[in-house]
Amino acid sequence: ESGDTAGVGRAAHALKSMSLNIGAARVTVKAAEIERAAHEHAASLSNADVEALRALMTEALSALDECRAETMGAIGKARPIEDAPPDVRAAS
């Protein structure tokens, strides 16, 4: 523990913003809690908070990886535009 509550607050704020961008709501909520505690210099800020955030981030990253795999699989199954029906080719 370094006691750098300002640094913890900045890191939590950045993580909160990034998690909002990707729709990781549970990460956003926990990061906001940690940010608020850091700004209030709360003694209640603990390693348990960090571990809870880490677990939520692991879940979010796993979900993103699944989404990426599904998207890449769909792209791999996509047909070339030349194989599409004429109305679809005309619309592109």
N, C-alpha and C. Protein backbone atom coordinates (compact mmCIF):
# COMPACT_ATOMS: atom_id res chain seq x y z
N GLU A 1 0.84 -1.17 0.00
CA GLU A 1 0.00 0.00 0.00
C GLU A 1 0.88 1.23 0.00
N SER A 2 0.73 2.07 -1.00
CA SER A 2 1.57 3.25 -1.11
C SER A 2 0.94 4.48 -0.49
N GLY A 3 -0.36 4.47 -0.24
CA GLY A 3 -1.02 5.64 0.31
C GLY A 3 -1.31 6.71 -0.73
N ASP A 4 -1.14 6.41 -1.98
CA ASP A 4 -1.37 7.38 -3.06
C ASP A 4 -2.85 7.40 -3.44
N THR A 5 -3.66 7.97 -2.58
CA THR A 5 -5.10 7.98 -2.85
C THR A 5 -5.43 8.82 -4.09
N ALA A 6 -4.68 9.88 -4.33
CA ALA A 6 -4.94 10.69 -5.53
C ALA A 6 -4.69 9.87 -6.79
N GLY A 7 -3.61 9.09 -6.80
CA GLY A 7 -3.31 8.22 -7.94
C GLY A 7 -4.36 7.15 -8.12
N VAL A 8 -4.81 6.59 -7.02
CA VAL A 8 -5.87 5.57 -7.08
C VAL A 8 -7.14 6.20 -7.66
N GLY A 9 -7.45 7.39 -7.22
CA GLY A 9 -8.63 8.09 -7.74
C GLY A 9 -8.55 8.35 -9.23
N ARG A 10 -7.38 8.77 -9.69
CA ARG A 10 -7.19 9.03 -11.13
C ARG A 10 -7.31 7.75 -11.94
N ALA A 11 -6.69 6.69 -11.43
CA ALA A 11 -6.76 5.40 -12.15
C ALA A 11 -8.19 4.88 -12.19
N ALA A 12 -8.89 4.99 -11.07
CA ALA A 12 -10.28 4.52 -11.02
C ALA A 12 -11.15 5.35 -11.96
N HIS A 13 -10.90 6.65 -12.02
CA HIS A 13 -11.67 7.51 -12.93
C HIS A 13 -11.44 7.10 -14.38
N ALA A 14 -10.20 6.87 -14.75
CA ALA A 14 -9.89 6.46 -16.12
C ALA A 14 -10.54 5.12 -16.44
N LEU A 15 -10.47 4.18 -15.51
CA LEU A 15 -11.09 2.88 -15.73
C LEU A 15 -12.60 3.01 -15.83
N LYS A 16 -13.18 3.87 -15.02
CA LYS A 16 -14.62 4.12 -15.07
C LYS A 16 -15.02 4.62 -16.45
N SER A 17 -14.27 5.56 -16.98
CA SER A 17 -14.57 6.12 -18.30
C SER A 17 -14.43 5.07 -19.40
N MET A 18 -13.35 4.30 -19.34
CA MET A 18 -13.13 3.28 -20.36
C MET A 18 -14.20 2.19 -20.30
N SER A 19 -14.59 1.81 -19.09
CA SER A 19 -15.59 0.75 -18.97
C SER A 19 -16.96 1.22 -19.45
N LEU A 20 -17.24 2.51 -19.30
CA LEU A 20 -18.48 3.06 -19.86
C LEU A 20 -18.48 2.93 -21.37
N ASN A 21 -17.33 3.17 -21.98
CA ASN A 21 -17.23 3.10 -23.45
C ASN A 21 -17.52 1.73 -24.01
N ILE A 22 -17.24 0.69 -23.23
CA ILE A 22 -17.45 -0.67 -23.73
C ILE A 22 -18.67 -1.34 -23.12
N GLY A 23 -19.41 -0.60 -22.30
CA GLY A 23 -20.63 -1.15 -21.73
C GLY A 23 -20.42 -2.09 -20.57
N ALA A 24 -19.31 -1.98 -19.89
CA ALA A 24 -19.03 -2.85 -18.73
C ALA A 24 -19.58 -2.16 -17.47
N ALA A 25 -20.89 -2.24 -17.30
CA ALA A 25 -21.58 -1.49 -16.26
C ALA A 25 -21.11 -1.84 -14.85
N ARG A 26 -20.90 -3.11 -14.58
CA ARG A 26 -20.48 -3.51 -13.23
C ARG A 26 -19.09 -3.00 -12.90
N VAL A 27 -18.21 -2.98 -13.90
CA VAL A 27 -16.87 -2.41 -13.71
C VAL A 27 -17.00 -0.92 -13.44
N THR A 28 -17.87 -0.25 -14.20
CA THR A 28 -18.09 1.18 -14.04
C THR A 28 -18.52 1.52 -12.61
N VAL A 29 -19.47 0.76 -12.10
CA VAL A 29 -19.99 1.02 -10.75
C VAL A 29 -18.89 0.84 -9.70
N LYS A 30 -18.15 -0.25 -9.79
CA LYS A 30 -17.10 -0.51 -8.80
C LYS A 30 -15.98 0.52 -8.91
N ALA A 31 -15.60 0.88 -10.13
CA ALA A 31 -14.56 1.90 -10.31
C ALA A 31 -15.02 3.24 -9.73
N ALA A 32 -16.29 3.57 -9.92
CA ALA A 32 -16.83 4.81 -9.35
C ALA A 32 -16.79 4.79 -7.82
N GLU A 33 -17.10 3.64 -7.24
CA GLU A 33 -17.02 3.50 -5.77
C GLU A 33 -15.59 3.73 -5.29
N ILE A 34 -14.64 3.14 -5.98
CA ILE A 34 -13.24 3.29 -5.59
C ILE A 34 -12.78 4.73 -5.80
N GLU A 35 -13.18 5.34 -6.91
CA GLU A 35 -12.83 6.73 -7.16
C GLU A 35 -13.36 7.64 -6.05
N ARG A 36 -14.62 7.45 -5.71
CA ARG A 36 -15.25 8.27 -4.66
C ARG A 36 -14.52 8.07 -3.33
N ALA A 37 -14.22 6.83 -2.98
CA ALA A 37 -13.51 6.57 -1.72
C ALA A 37 -12.13 7.21 -1.72
N ALA A 38 -11.45 7.15 -2.85
CA ALA A 38 -10.11 7.74 -2.94
C ALA A 38 -10.17 9.26 -2.79
N HIS A 39 -11.16 9.88 -3.41
CA HIS A 39 -11.28 11.34 -3.31
C HIS A 39 -11.66 11.78 -1.90
N GLU A 40 -12.35 10.90 -1.19
CA GLU A 40 -12.73 11.21 0.19
C GLU A 40 -11.66 10.75 1.18
N HIS A 41 -10.55 10.21 0.63
CA HIS A 41 -9.47 9.66 1.45
C HIS A 41 -10.03 8.65 2.45
N ALA A 42 -10.95 7.86 1.97
CA ALA A 42 -11.65 6.93 2.85
C ALA A 42 -10.73 5.82 3.36
N ALA A 43 -10.82 5.60 4.63
CA ALA A 43 -10.08 4.49 5.22
C ALA A 43 -10.69 3.16 4.80
N SER A 44 -11.91 3.23 4.28
CA SER A 44 -12.60 2.00 3.89
C SER A 44 -12.09 1.43 2.57
N LEU A 45 -11.27 2.18 1.85
CA LEU A 45 -10.69 1.69 0.61
C LEU A 45 -9.72 0.57 0.94
N SER A 46 -9.96 -0.60 0.36
CA SER A 46 -9.16 -1.76 0.78
C SER A 46 -8.73 -2.60 -0.41
N ASN A 47 -7.88 -3.56 -0.10
CA ASN A 47 -7.47 -4.52 -1.12
C ASN A 47 -8.67 -5.32 -1.62
N ALA A 48 -9.67 -5.52 -0.77
CA ALA A 48 -10.87 -6.25 -1.18
C ALA A 48 -11.58 -5.50 -2.31
N ASP A 49 -11.57 -4.17 -2.25
CA ASP A 49 -12.17 -3.37 -3.34
C ASP A 49 -11.42 -3.61 -4.65
N VAL A 50 -10.12 -3.61 -4.56
CA VAL A 50 -9.29 -3.83 -5.75
C VAL A 50 -9.51 -5.24 -6.30
N GLU A 51 -9.57 -6.21 -5.43
CA GLU A 51 -9.79 -7.59 -5.87
C GLU A 51 -11.17 -7.75 -6.49
N ALA A 52 -12.18 -7.10 -5.93
CA ALA A 52 -13.52 -7.16 -6.52
C ALA A 52 -13.53 -6.53 -7.90
N LEU A 53 -12.83 -5.40 -8.03
CA LEU A 53 -12.73 -4.75 -9.34
C LEU A 53 -11.99 -5.64 -10.33
N ARG A 54 -10.93 -6.26 -9.89
CA ARG A 54 -10.17 -7.17 -10.75
C ARG A 54 -11.05 -8.32 -11.25
N ALA A 55 -11.87 -8.89 -10.38
CA ALA A 55 -12.77 -9.98 -10.77
C ALA A 55 -13.79 -9.50 -11.80
N LEU A 56 -14.33 -8.31 -11.58
CA LEU A 56 -15.31 -7.76 -12.53
C LEU A 56 -14.65 -7.47 -13.88
N MET A 57 -13.42 -6.99 -13.85
CA MET A 57 -12.70 -6.73 -15.10
C MET A 57 -12.43 -8.03 -15.85
N THR A 58 -12.09 -9.08 -15.12
CA THR A 58 -11.85 -10.39 -15.74
C THR A 58 -13.12 -10.87 -16.44
N GLU A 59 -14.26 -10.73 -15.77
CA GLU A 59 -15.54 -11.11 -16.39
C GLU A 59 -15.81 -10.30 -17.65
N ALA A 60 -15.60 -8.99 -17.56
CA ALA A 60 -15.86 -8.12 -18.70
C ALA A 60 -14.94 -8.46 -19.87
N LEU A 61 -13.67 -8.69 -19.59
CA LEU A 61 -12.73 -9.03 -20.66
C LEU A 61 -13.07 -10.37 -21.30
N SER A 62 -13.53 -11.31 -20.49
CA SER A 62 -13.95 -12.60 -21.02
C SER A 62 -15.15 -12.43 -21.95
N ALA A 63 -16.11 -11.62 -21.53
CA ALA A 63 -17.29 -11.36 -22.37
C ALA A 63 -16.89 -10.68 -23.67
N LEU A 64 -15.96 -9.74 -23.59
CA LEU A 64 -15.48 -9.07 -24.81
C LEU A 64 -14.78 -10.04 -25.74
N ASP A 65 -14.01 -10.94 -25.16
CA ASP A 65 -13.30 -11.94 -25.97
C ASP A 65 -14.30 -12.85 -26.68
N GLU A 66 -15.36 -13.26 -25.97
CA GLU A 66 -16.39 -14.08 -26.60
C GLU A 66 -17.07 -13.33 -27.74
N CYS A 67 -17.36 -12.07 -27.52
CA CYS A 67 -17.99 -11.24 -28.55
C CYS A 67 -17.07 -11.12 -29.76
N ARG A 68 -15.78 -10.90 -29.51
CA ARG A 68 -14.82 -10.80 -30.60
C ARG A 68 -14.77 -12.10 -31.40
N ALA A 69 -14.76 -13.21 -30.69
CA ALA A 69 -14.70 -14.51 -31.37
C ALA A 69 -15.95 -14.74 -32.22
N GLU A 70 -17.11 -14.39 -31.68
CA GLU A 70 -18.35 -14.54 -32.45
C GLU A 70 -18.34 -13.64 -33.68
N THR A 71 -17.87 -12.42 -33.51
CA THR A 71 -17.82 -11.48 -34.63
C THR A 71 -16.86 -11.97 -35.70
N MET A 72 -15.69 -12.43 -35.27
CA MET A 72 -14.71 -12.93 -36.24
C MET A 72 -15.24 -14.17 -36.96
N GLY A 73 -15.97 -15.01 -36.22
CA GLY A 73 -16.58 -16.19 -36.84
C GLY A 73 -17.61 -15.80 -37.87
N ALA A 74 -18.42 -14.79 -37.56
CA ALA A 74 -19.43 -14.32 -38.51
C ALA A 74 -18.77 -13.71 -39.73
N ILE A 75 -17.69 -12.98 -39.52
CA ILE A 75 -16.98 -12.38 -40.64
C ILE A 75 -16.40 -13.49 -41.52
N GLY A 76 -15.88 -14.52 -40.89
CA GLY A 76 -15.31 -15.64 -41.64
C GLY A 76 -16.35 -16.38 -42.47
N LYS A 77 -17.59 -16.33 -42.04
CA LYS A 77 -18.67 -17.00 -42.75
C LYS A 77 -19.33 -16.09 -43.79
N ALA A 78 -18.96 -14.84 -43.80
CA ALA A 78 -19.57 -13.90 -44.73
C ALA A 78 -19.20 -14.26 -46.16
N ARG A 79 -20.15 -14.07 -47.04
CA ARG A 79 -19.90 -14.35 -48.45
C ARG A 79 -19.40 -13.09 -49.14
N PRO A 80 -18.60 -13.25 -50.15
CA PRO A 80 -18.18 -12.08 -50.93
C PRO A 80 -19.40 -11.41 -51.55
N ILE A 81 -19.34 -10.13 -51.75
CA ILE A 81 -20.47 -9.38 -52.31
C ILE A 81 -20.88 -9.93 -53.68
N GLU A 82 -19.94 -10.49 -54.41
CA GLU A 82 -20.25 -11.05 -55.73
C GLU A 82 -21.21 -12.22 -55.62
N ASP A 83 -21.22 -12.91 -54.48
CA ASP A 83 -22.10 -14.06 -54.26
C ASP A 83 -23.48 -13.65 -53.72
N ALA A 84 -23.65 -12.40 -53.40
CA ALA A 84 -24.92 -11.94 -52.83
C ALA A 84 -25.98 -11.82 -53.91
N PRO A 85 -27.27 -11.88 -53.50
CA PRO A 85 -28.34 -11.70 -54.48
C PRO A 85 -28.23 -10.32 -55.14
N PRO A 86 -28.74 -10.17 -56.35
CA PRO A 86 -28.60 -8.90 -57.08
C PRO A 86 -29.12 -7.68 -56.32
N ASP A 87 -30.23 -7.83 -55.59
CA ASP A 87 -30.75 -6.66 -54.86
C ASP A 87 -29.81 -6.21 -53.76
N VAL A 88 -29.12 -7.15 -53.13
CA VAL A 88 -28.15 -6.80 -52.10
C VAL A 88 -26.93 -6.14 -52.72
N ARG A 89 -26.47 -6.66 -53.85
CA ARG A 89 -25.31 -6.06 -54.54
C ARG A 89 -25.65 -4.64 -54.97
N ALA A 90 -26.86 -4.41 -55.44
CA ALA A 90 -27.26 -3.08 -55.91
C ALA A 90 -27.31 -2.09 -54.74
N ALA A 91 -27.65 -2.56 -53.57
CA ALA A 91 -27.76 -1.68 -52.41
C ALA A 91 -26.40 -1.30 -51.84
N SER A 92 -25.35 -2.04 -52.20
CA SER A 92 -24.05 -1.75 -51.60
C SER A 92 -23.27 -0.74 -52.33
